[in-house]
Amino acid sequence: MSQFHLVFRVHAIQRMFQRRISKEEVRLVVATGETIETYPTDKPFPSRLILGWSGLRPLHVVAADNASAQEAIIVTVYQPDIEEWESGFKRRKRR
């Protein structure tokens, strides 16, 4: 998906500002990260949860892929909480 143009939703930009996550970090995660969950029925486009790293900091990016426009729409971005995710941040903890 690295050939996709990134489109940042207002919500994502707000959360990035609050969480001190830069656009460069998001680009890095999308380009080099690993898709750990997929949401094929999301509307208007299927989306996915990507895990990537900015140095030692884990980051999750939710991106909706508009393949026809070659866009990855950044929905939200956050640093996963160790209380909610297993070690490695790839799987949610069972409750």
Protein backbone atom coordinates (compact mmCIF):
# COMPACT_ATOMS: atom_id res chain seq x y z
CA MET A 1 0.00 0.00 0.00
CA SER A 2 3.01 2.30 -0.01
CA GLN A 3 1.99 3.52 -3.49
CA PHE A 4 -1.29 4.77 -2.02
CA HIS A 5 -1.73 8.47 -1.32
CA LEU A 6 -2.51 9.09 2.36
CA VAL A 7 -5.62 11.10 3.23
CA PHE A 8 -5.90 12.17 6.87
CA ARG A 9 -9.42 12.45 8.35
CA VAL A 10 -10.00 15.34 10.74
CA HIS A 11 -10.47 12.87 13.60
CA ALA A 12 -7.07 11.31 12.88
CA ILE A 13 -5.34 14.70 12.83
CA GLN A 14 -6.97 15.65 16.13
CA ARG A 15 -5.90 12.40 17.76
CA MET A 16 -2.38 12.67 16.33
CA PHE A 17 -2.05 16.15 17.83
CA GLN A 18 -3.38 14.98 21.23
CA ARG A 19 -1.11 11.93 21.23
CA ARG A 20 1.97 13.66 19.79
CA ILE A 21 2.15 11.44 16.72
CA SER A 22 3.51 12.99 13.54
CA LYS A 23 2.43 12.48 9.93
CA GLU A 24 5.91 11.10 9.26
CA GLU A 25 5.38 8.43 11.92
CA VAL A 26 2.02 7.50 10.36
CA ARG A 27 3.60 7.30 6.90
CA LEU A 28 6.30 5.02 8.30
CA VAL A 29 3.74 2.71 9.94
CA VAL A 30 1.63 2.48 6.77
CA ALA A 31 4.70 1.85 4.59
CA THR A 32 6.49 -0.66 6.82
CA GLY A 33 3.94 -1.90 9.36
CA GLU A 34 2.03 -5.16 9.58
CA THR A 35 -1.73 -5.48 9.11
CA ILE A 36 -2.92 -7.25 12.26
CA GLU A 37 -6.70 -7.01 11.80
CA THR A 38 -8.93 -6.49 8.77
CA TYR A 39 -12.46 -5.10 8.62
CA PRO A 40 -13.68 -6.04 5.13
CA THR A 41 -17.29 -4.96 5.74
CA ASP A 42 -16.47 -1.41 6.89
CA LYS A 43 -18.18 1.29 4.87
CA PRO A 44 -17.59 3.11 2.65
CA PHE A 45 -14.26 1.23 2.26
CA PRO A 46 -12.76 -1.87 3.87
CA SER A 47 -10.29 -0.96 6.58
CA ARG A 48 -7.44 -2.49 8.51
CA LEU A 49 -5.46 -2.07 11.70
CA ILE A 50 -1.74 -1.67 11.11
CA LEU A 51 0.95 -2.15 13.76
CA GLY A 52 4.20 -0.32 13.27
CA TRP A 53 7.01 1.16 15.29
CA SER A 54 8.49 4.62 15.63
CA GLY A 55 11.74 3.76 17.31
CA LEU A 56 10.68 1.83 20.42
CA ARG A 57 7.16 3.29 20.39
CA PRO A 58 4.42 0.97 19.07
CA LEU A 59 1.71 2.63 17.00
CA HIS A 60 -1.62 1.43 15.64
CA VAL A 61 -3.05 3.06 12.52
CA VAL A 62 -6.57 2.38 11.26
CA ALA A 63 -6.66 2.94 7.50
CA ALA A 64 -9.55 2.54 5.04
CA ASP A 65 -8.37 1.60 1.57
CA ASN A 66 -10.04 3.26 -1.41
CA ALA A 67 -8.38 1.12 -4.07
CA SER A 68 -10.07 2.82 -7.03
CA ALA A 69 -8.58 6.19 -6.03
CA GLN A 70 -5.35 4.64 -4.72
CA GLU A 71 -5.92 6.27 -1.33
CA ALA A 72 -5.37 5.06 2.19
CA ILE A 73 -7.69 7.10 4.38
CA ILE A 74 -6.22 7.45 7.88
CA VAL A 75 -9.13 7.08 10.30
CA THR A 76 -7.33 7.14 13.64
CA VAL A 77 -3.91 6.64 15.18
CA TYR A 78 -2.93 5.64 18.72
CA GLN A 79 -0.30 4.04 20.89
CA PRO A 80 -1.71 0.68 22.01
CA ASP A 81 -2.21 0.20 25.74
CA ILE A 82 -0.37 -2.75 27.30
CA GLU A 83 -3.48 -3.28 29.48
CA GLU A 84 -5.58 -4.01 26.38
CA TRP A 85 -3.04 -5.70 24.10
CA GLU A 86 -0.86 -8.76 24.52
CA SER A 87 2.91 -8.39 24.43
CA GLY A 88 3.93 -7.38 20.92
CA PHE A 89 0.65 -5.42 20.45
CA LYS A 90 -0.66 -7.78 17.74
CA ARG A 91 -3.53 -9.38 19.65
CA ARG A 92 -6.13 -7.99 22.01
CA LYS A 93 -6.23 -9.45 25.50
CA ARG A 94 -9.22 -11.60 26.29
CA ARG A 95 -11.52 -10.26 28.96
